[in-house]
Amino acid sequence: MALQFVGIDPNTGQNGSPTAWVDRDTGDVVLQSYRADESTLRECAEKTAPGHAKGIPPHETVIRFPAHLIPLLREACDAADRL
């Protein structure tokens, strides 16, 4: 795996923060962000596409990526498209 750093929340301190990378081998966007709270997890688990199993599989999770960082997410998507 060869991650390309895209950006980090500029409003963060030194204790971790929302960050975006692109995997140069696969084009996947890799995100670090806040864990969703129990209420959000529950709602996501209940609202699924028709015909799709409900719940969140044990190998998956839900993160909350702050709205003010949508430009960073777009930049990561653009970087993945350029691969």
N, C-alpha and C. Protein backbone atom coordinates (compact mmCIF):
# COMPACT_ATOMS: atom_id res chain seq x y z
N MET A 1 0.85 -1.17 0.00
CA MET A 1 0.00 0.00 0.00
C MET A 1 0.89 1.23 0.00
N ALA A 2 0.57 2.20 -0.85
CA ALA A 2 1.34 3.44 -0.94
C ALA A 2 0.38 4.61 -0.76
N LEU A 3 0.26 5.08 0.47
CA LEU A 3 -0.68 6.17 0.74
C LEU A 3 -0.07 7.52 0.37
N GLN A 4 -0.88 8.32 -0.30
CA GLN A 4 -0.53 9.70 -0.64
C GLN A 4 -1.32 10.61 0.29
N PHE A 5 -0.63 11.37 1.13
CA PHE A 5 -1.29 12.31 2.03
C PHE A 5 -1.98 13.39 1.20
N VAL A 6 -3.24 13.66 1.53
CA VAL A 6 -3.99 14.71 0.83
C VAL A 6 -4.15 15.93 1.73
N GLY A 7 -4.56 15.73 2.96
CA GLY A 7 -4.74 16.88 3.84
C GLY A 7 -5.27 16.49 5.20
N ILE A 8 -5.20 17.47 6.10
CA ILE A 8 -5.62 17.29 7.50
C ILE A 8 -6.42 18.51 7.91
N ASP A 9 -7.31 18.33 8.86
CA ASP A 9 -8.11 19.45 9.37
C ASP A 9 -7.18 20.52 9.92
N PRO A 10 -7.18 21.71 9.32
CA PRO A 10 -6.26 22.76 9.78
C PRO A 10 -6.64 23.33 11.14
N ASN A 11 -7.85 23.02 11.63
CA ASN A 11 -8.29 23.56 12.91
C ASN A 11 -8.01 22.62 14.07
N THR A 12 -7.22 21.60 13.84
CA THR A 12 -6.97 20.61 14.87
C THR A 12 -5.77 20.97 15.72
N GLY A 13 -5.70 20.31 16.84
CA GLY A 13 -4.51 20.43 17.69
C GLY A 13 -3.55 19.31 17.34
N GLN A 14 -2.85 18.83 18.33
CA GLN A 14 -1.85 17.78 18.12
C GLN A 14 -2.36 16.38 18.48
N ASN A 15 -3.65 16.23 18.72
CA ASN A 15 -4.18 14.96 19.23
C ASN A 15 -4.95 14.16 18.18
N GLY A 16 -4.58 14.23 16.93
CA GLY A 16 -5.30 13.51 15.89
C GLY A 16 -6.43 14.35 15.35
N SER A 17 -6.82 14.06 14.14
CA SER A 17 -7.87 14.86 13.53
C SER A 17 -8.30 14.21 12.23
N PRO A 18 -9.40 14.69 11.66
CA PRO A 18 -9.80 14.19 10.34
C PRO A 18 -8.68 14.42 9.33
N THR A 19 -8.36 13.35 8.62
CA THR A 19 -7.27 13.34 7.66
C THR A 19 -7.69 12.52 6.46
N ALA A 20 -7.18 12.87 5.28
CA ALA A 20 -7.50 12.11 4.07
C ALA A 20 -6.22 11.72 3.34
N TRP A 21 -6.22 10.49 2.83
CA TRP A 21 -5.14 9.96 2.00
C TRP A 21 -5.77 9.29 0.79
N VAL A 22 -4.95 9.01 -0.21
CA VAL A 22 -5.37 8.20 -1.35
C VAL A 22 -4.37 7.06 -1.48
N ASP A 23 -4.88 5.85 -1.63
CA ASP A 23 -4.02 4.69 -1.86
C ASP A 23 -3.64 4.69 -3.33
N ARG A 24 -2.38 4.94 -3.62
CA ARG A 24 -1.93 5.06 -5.01
C ARG A 24 -1.99 3.73 -5.77
N ASP A 25 -2.06 2.62 -5.05
CA ASP A 25 -2.15 1.32 -5.71
C ASP A 25 -3.58 0.99 -6.15
N THR A 26 -4.55 1.39 -5.35
CA THR A 26 -5.94 1.00 -5.63
C THR A 26 -6.86 2.16 -6.00
N GLY A 27 -6.44 3.40 -5.67
CA GLY A 27 -7.31 4.55 -5.89
C GLY A 27 -8.32 4.75 -4.76
N ASP A 28 -8.26 3.91 -3.72
CA ASP A 28 -9.18 4.07 -2.59
C ASP A 28 -8.89 5.36 -1.84
N VAL A 29 -9.93 6.01 -1.35
CA VAL A 29 -9.79 7.16 -0.47
C VAL A 29 -9.80 6.60 0.95
N VAL A 30 -8.80 6.96 1.75
CA VAL A 30 -8.66 6.48 3.12
C VAL A 30 -8.87 7.68 4.04
N LEU A 31 -9.79 7.53 4.99
CA LEU A 31 -10.13 8.64 5.88
C LEU A 31 -9.90 8.27 7.34
N GLN A 32 -9.40 9.22 8.08
CA GLN A 32 -9.37 9.14 9.54
C GLN A 32 -10.33 10.22 10.01
N SER A 33 -11.22 9.86 10.88
CA SER A 33 -12.15 10.86 11.39
C SER A 33 -12.73 10.39 12.72
N TYR A 34 -13.78 11.04 13.16
CA TYR A 34 -14.40 10.75 14.44
C TYR A 34 -15.29 9.53 14.32
N ARG A 35 -15.26 8.67 15.32
CA ARG A 35 -16.18 7.53 15.36
C ARG A 35 -17.59 8.07 15.52
N ALA A 36 -18.50 7.45 14.81
CA ALA A 36 -19.90 7.84 14.95
C ALA A 36 -20.39 7.43 16.35
N ASP A 37 -21.27 8.24 16.90
CA ASP A 37 -21.82 7.90 18.22
C ASP A 37 -22.85 6.78 18.08
N GLU A 38 -23.27 6.24 19.19
CA GLU A 38 -24.19 5.09 19.18
C GLU A 38 -25.50 5.39 18.45
N SER A 39 -26.00 6.58 18.61
CA SER A 39 -27.25 6.96 17.94
C SER A 39 -27.08 6.93 16.41
N THR A 40 -25.97 7.47 15.93
CA THR A 40 -25.70 7.47 14.48
C THR A 40 -25.50 6.05 13.97
N LEU A 41 -24.74 5.24 14.71
CA LEU A 41 -24.53 3.85 14.32
C LEU A 41 -25.86 3.10 14.22
N ARG A 42 -26.71 3.29 15.20
CA ARG A 42 -28.02 2.63 15.22
C ARG A 42 -28.86 3.04 14.02
N GLU A 43 -28.89 4.35 13.73
CA GLU A 43 -29.69 4.83 12.61
C GLU A 43 -29.14 4.33 11.28
N CYS A 44 -27.82 4.32 11.12
CA CYS A 44 -27.22 3.79 9.89
C CYS A 44 -27.54 2.31 9.73
N ALA A 45 -27.51 1.57 10.82
CA ALA A 45 -27.78 0.13 10.77
C ALA A 45 -29.23 -0.14 10.38
N GLU A 46 -30.13 0.77 10.72
CA GLU A 46 -31.56 0.58 10.43
C GLU A 46 -31.93 1.02 9.02
N LYS A 47 -31.20 1.96 8.45
CA LYS A 47 -31.54 2.51 7.14
C LYS A 47 -30.60 1.94 6.09
N THR A 48 -31.08 0.96 5.36
CA THR A 48 -30.26 0.32 4.34
C THR A 48 -30.98 0.34 3.00
N ALA A 49 -30.26 0.01 1.97
CA ALA A 49 -30.85 -0.06 0.64
C ALA A 49 -31.82 -1.24 0.58
N PRO A 50 -32.88 -1.12 -0.22
CA PRO A 50 -33.83 -2.23 -0.36
C PRO A 50 -33.10 -3.51 -0.77
N GLY A 51 -33.43 -4.60 -0.10
CA GLY A 51 -32.82 -5.88 -0.41
C GLY A 51 -31.46 -6.11 0.21
N HIS A 52 -30.96 -5.13 0.92
CA HIS A 52 -29.64 -5.23 1.56
C HIS A 52 -29.82 -5.60 3.02
N ALA A 53 -28.95 -6.44 3.53
CA ALA A 53 -29.05 -6.84 4.94
C ALA A 53 -28.89 -5.63 5.85
N LYS A 54 -29.70 -5.61 6.90
CA LYS A 54 -29.58 -4.53 7.88
C LYS A 54 -28.39 -4.78 8.78
N GLY A 55 -27.91 -3.71 9.37
CA GLY A 55 -26.81 -3.82 10.30
C GLY A 55 -25.49 -3.39 9.67
N ILE A 56 -24.49 -3.29 10.50
CA ILE A 56 -23.15 -2.92 10.07
C ILE A 56 -22.26 -4.14 10.34
N PRO A 57 -21.68 -4.72 9.29
CA PRO A 57 -20.86 -5.91 9.49
C PRO A 57 -19.71 -5.64 10.45
N PRO A 58 -19.25 -6.66 11.14
CA PRO A 58 -18.17 -6.49 12.12
C PRO A 58 -16.88 -5.92 11.53
N HIS A 59 -16.66 -6.12 10.24
CA HIS A 59 -15.42 -5.64 9.62
C HIS A 59 -15.56 -4.22 9.08
N GLU A 60 -16.70 -3.58 9.30
CA GLU A 60 -16.94 -2.21 8.84
C GLU A 60 -17.27 -1.32 10.03
N THR A 61 -17.20 -0.01 9.79
CA THR A 61 -17.58 0.96 10.82
C THR A 61 -18.19 2.18 10.13
N VAL A 62 -18.66 3.10 10.91
CA VAL A 62 -19.21 4.36 10.41
C VAL A 62 -18.38 5.48 11.04
N ILE A 63 -17.92 6.40 10.20
CA ILE A 63 -17.19 7.56 10.71
C ILE A 63 -17.99 8.81 10.38
N ARG A 64 -17.71 9.85 11.11
CA ARG A 64 -18.34 11.14 10.84
C ARG A 64 -17.24 12.07 10.37
N PHE A 65 -17.35 12.53 9.12
CA PHE A 65 -16.36 13.43 8.53
C PHE A 65 -16.97 14.83 8.54
N PRO A 66 -16.36 15.80 9.21
CA PRO A 66 -16.95 17.13 9.38
C PRO A 66 -17.26 17.83 8.05
N ALA A 67 -18.41 18.48 8.01
CA ALA A 67 -18.87 19.17 6.80
C ALA A 67 -17.86 20.21 6.32
N HIS A 68 -17.18 20.88 7.24
CA HIS A 68 -16.24 21.92 6.80
C HIS A 68 -15.03 21.33 6.07
N LEU A 69 -14.90 19.99 6.08
CA LEU A 69 -13.79 19.35 5.38
C LEU A 69 -14.20 18.70 4.07
N ILE A 70 -15.41 18.97 3.61
CA ILE A 70 -15.85 18.42 2.31
C ILE A 70 -14.88 18.81 1.19
N PRO A 71 -14.35 20.04 1.16
CA PRO A 71 -13.35 20.34 0.12
C PRO A 71 -12.14 19.41 0.18
N LEU A 72 -11.72 19.00 1.36
CA LEU A 72 -10.61 18.06 1.51
C LEU A 72 -11.00 16.69 0.93
N LEU A 73 -12.22 16.27 1.18
CA LEU A 73 -12.70 15.01 0.63
C LEU A 73 -12.77 15.07 -0.90
N ARG A 74 -13.21 16.20 -1.43
CA ARG A 74 -13.23 16.37 -2.89
C ARG A 74 -11.82 16.31 -3.46
N GLU A 75 -10.87 16.92 -2.77
CA GLU A 75 -9.48 16.90 -3.22
C GLU A 75 -8.96 15.46 -3.24
N ALA A 76 -9.32 14.68 -2.21
CA ALA A 76 -8.90 13.28 -2.18
C ALA A 76 -9.52 12.50 -3.33
N CYS A 77 -10.80 12.75 -3.60
CA CYS A 77 -11.47 12.07 -4.73
C CYS A 77 -10.81 12.46 -6.05
N ASP A 78 -10.49 13.72 -6.21
CA ASP A 78 -9.81 14.17 -7.44
C ASP A 78 -8.45 13.51 -7.59
N ALA A 79 -7.72 13.39 -6.47
CA ALA A 79 -6.40 12.74 -6.52
C ALA A 79 -6.56 11.27 -6.92
N ALA A 80 -7.59 10.62 -6.42
CA ALA A 80 -7.84 9.22 -6.79
C ALA A 80 -8.18 9.09 -8.26
N ASP A 81 -8.95 10.05 -8.79
CA ASP A 81 -9.32 10.02 -10.21
C ASP A 81 -8.11 10.19 -11.12
N ARG A 82 -7.09 10.90 -10.63
CA ARG A 82 -5.90 11.15 -11.47
C ARG A 82 -4.98 9.94 -11.56
N LEU A 83 -5.20 8.94 -10.72
CA LEU A 83 -4.32 7.76 -10.72
C LEU A 83 -4.51 6.93 -11.97
